[in-house]
C-alpha atoms as a PDB file:
ATOM      1  CA  MET A   1       5.992  45.070 140.828  1.00  0.00           C
ATOM      2  CA  LYS A   2       6.429  48.618 142.079  1.00  0.00           C
ATOM      3  CA  LEU A   3       7.560  48.461 145.707  1.00  0.00           C
ATOM      4  CA  MET A   4       7.433  52.130 146.693  1.00  0.00           C
ATOM      5  CA  LEU A   5       4.182  54.039 146.889  1.00  0.00           C
ATOM      6  CA  GLY A   6       3.764  57.751 146.413  1.00  0.00           C
ATOM      7  CA  CYS A   7       1.827  59.769 148.977  1.00  0.00           C
ATOM      8  CA  LYS A   8      -1.354  59.788 146.860  1.00  0.00           C
ATOM      9  CA  GLU A   9      -1.359  55.995 146.646  1.00  0.00           C
ATOM     10  CA  ALA A  10      -0.548  55.645 150.350  1.00  0.00           C
ATOM     11  CA  THR A  11      -3.377  57.918 151.455  1.00  0.00           C
ATOM     12  CA  LEU A  12      -5.766  56.101 149.128  1.00  0.00           C
ATOM     13  CA  LEU A  13      -4.777  52.774 150.711  1.00  0.00           C
ATOM     14  CA  LEU A  14      -5.230  54.246 154.186  1.00  0.00           C
ATOM     15  CA  ILE A  15      -8.754  55.299 153.281  1.00  0.00           C
ATOM     16  CA  MET A  16      -9.499  51.999 151.552  1.00  0.00           C
ATOM     17  CA  SER A  17      -8.274  50.062 154.594  1.00  0.00           C
ATOM     18  CA  GLU A  18     -11.273  51.377 156.525  1.00  0.00           C
ATOM     19  CA  GLU A  19     -13.640  49.782 154.020  1.00  0.00           C
ATOM     20  CA  ARG A  20     -11.876  46.512 153.239  1.00  0.00           C
ATOM     21  CA  SER A  21      -8.890  44.390 154.185  1.00  0.00           C
ATOM     22  CA  LEU A  22      -5.759  45.240 152.257  1.00  0.00           C
ATOM     23  CA  SER A  23      -3.873  42.523 150.417  1.00  0.00           C
ATOM     24  CA  ASN A  24      -0.498  41.417 151.763  1.00  0.00           C
ATOM     25  CA  SER A  25       1.350  43.364 149.066  1.00  0.00           C
ATOM     26  CA  GLU A  26      -0.713  46.500 149.737  1.00  0.00           C
ATOM     27  CA  ARG A  27      -0.028  46.251 153.490  1.00  0.00           C
ATOM     28  CA  LEU A  28       3.695  45.763 152.863  1.00  0.00           C
ATOM     29  CA  LYS A  29       3.929  48.718 150.488  1.00  0.00           C
ATOM     30  CA  LEU A  30       1.906  50.927 152.832  1.00  0.00           C
ATOM     31  CA  SER A  31       3.994  49.902 155.830  1.00  0.00           C
ATOM     32  CA  LEU A  32       7.239  50.731 154.010  1.00  0.00           C
ATOM     33  CA  HIS A  33       5.881  54.094 152.909  1.00  0.00           C
ATOM     34  CA  LEU A  34       4.635  54.995 156.406  1.00  0.00           C
ATOM     35  CA  LYS A  35       8.037  54.178 157.923  1.00  0.00           C
ATOM     36  CA  MET A  36       9.609  56.836 155.713  1.00  0.00           C
ATOM     37  CA  CYS A  37       6.899  59.485 155.334  1.00  0.00           C
ATOM     38  CA  LYS A  38       5.959  61.580 158.350  1.00  0.00           C
ATOM     39  CA  PHE A  39       3.241  63.364 156.394  1.00  0.00           C
ATOM     40  CA  CYS A  40       1.372  60.152 155.617  1.00  0.00           C
ATOM     41  CA  ARG A  41       1.801  58.973 159.221  1.00  0.00           C
ATOM     42  CA  PHE A  42       0.200  62.256 160.282  1.00  0.00           C
ATOM     43  CA  PHE A  43      -2.595  61.738 157.743  1.00  0.00           C
ATOM     44  CA  GLU A  44      -3.145  58.222 159.116  1.00  0.00           C
ATOM     45  CA  LYS A  45      -3.451  59.582 162.650  1.00  0.00           C
ATOM     46  CA  GLN A  46      -5.860  62.326 161.574  1.00  0.00           C
ATOM     47  CA  ASN A  47      -7.937  59.945 159.469  1.00  0.00           C
ATOM     48  CA  LYS A  48      -8.336  57.471 162.343  1.00  0.00           C
ATOM     49  CA  PHE A  49      -9.333  60.291 164.677  1.00  0.00           C
ATOM     50  CA  ILE A  50     -11.929  61.620 162.236  1.00  0.00           C
ATOM     51  CA  SER A  51     -13.367  58.158 161.584  1.00  0.00           C
ATOM     52  CA  ILE A  52     -13.724  57.341 165.269  1.00  0.00           C
ATOM     53  CA  ASN A  53     -15.283  60.671 166.112  1.00  0.00           C
ATOM     54  CA  ALA A  54     -17.585  60.733 163.091  1.00  0.00           C
ATOM     55  CA  THR A  55     -18.964  57.405 164.300  1.00  0.00           C
ATOM     56  CA  ASN A  56     -19.367  58.775 167.824  1.00  0.00           C
ATOM     57  CA  ILE A  57     -21.101  61.921 166.597  1.00  0.00           C
ATOM     58  CA  SER A  58     -23.543  60.010 164.441  1.00  0.00           C
ATOM     59  CA  SER A  59     -24.487  57.711 167.318  1.00  0.00           C
ATOM     60  CA  SER A  60     -24.894  60.391 169.997  1.00  0.00           C
ATOM     61  CA  LYS A  61     -26.009  63.986 169.932  1.00  0.00           C
ATOM     62  CA  ASN A  62     -24.048  65.269 172.921  1.00  0.00           C
ATOM     63  CA  PHE A  63     -20.422  64.856 173.911  1.00  0.00           C
ATOM     64  CA  THR A  64     -19.610  63.900 177.466  1.00  0.00           C
ATOM     65  CA  ARG A  65     -17.136  66.094 179.320  1.00  0.00           C
ATOM     66  CA  ALA A  66     -14.476  63.380 178.933  1.00  0.00           C
ATOM     67  CA  GLU A  67     -15.056  63.239 175.150  1.00  0.00           C
ATOM     68  CA  LYS A  68     -14.783  67.021 174.902  1.00  0.00           C
ATOM     69  CA  ASP A  69     -11.542  66.970 176.901  1.00  0.00           C
ATOM     70  CA  ASN A  70     -10.178  64.173 174.696  1.00  0.00           C
ATOM     71  CA  LEU A  71     -11.031  66.116 171.546  1.00  0.00           C
ATOM     72  CA  ILE A  72      -9.417  69.307 172.859  1.00  0.00           C
ATOM     73  CA  SER A  73      -6.311  67.378 173.918  1.00  0.00           C
ATOM     74  CA  PHE A  74      -5.989  65.758 170.496  1.00  0.00           C
ATOM     75  CA  LEU A  75      -6.430  69.037 168.643  1.00  0.00           C
ATOM     76  CA  ASN A  76      -3.795  70.660 170.853  1.00  0.00           C
ATOM     77  CA  SER A  77      -1.376  67.800 170.126  1.00  0.00           C
ATOM     78  CA  ILE A  78      -1.840  68.397 166.391  1.00  0.00           C
ATOM     79  CA  LYS A  79      -0.951  72.066 166.838  1.00  0.00           C
ATOM     80  CA  ILE A  80       2.213  71.067 168.691  1.00  0.00           C
ATOM     81  CA  GLU A  81       3.222  68.509 166.019  1.00  0.00           C
ATOM     82  CA  LYS A  82       2.651  71.024 163.220  1.00  0.00           C
ATOM     83  CA  ALA A  83       4.856  73.576 164.971  1.00  0.00           C
ATOM     84  CA  LYS A  84       7.823  71.166 165.124  1.00  0.00           C
END
């Protein structure tokens, strides 16, 4: 059993986890990979943000002021993290 995942496998599991429950071994492998890989942790954060907001966009046509502010704040935080 291969314990360490590569980034491609980790991102695939992150995407798959939105559609189905991961097995215990998949969760363990993903957790270990995310502890060591800042790029995949960043991908996980971005992917969650996109999923949440894609759902919000499809269910409503207009953003509230608070949603716009939240989106701007998140995008600014990504710029700051990328610069580090």
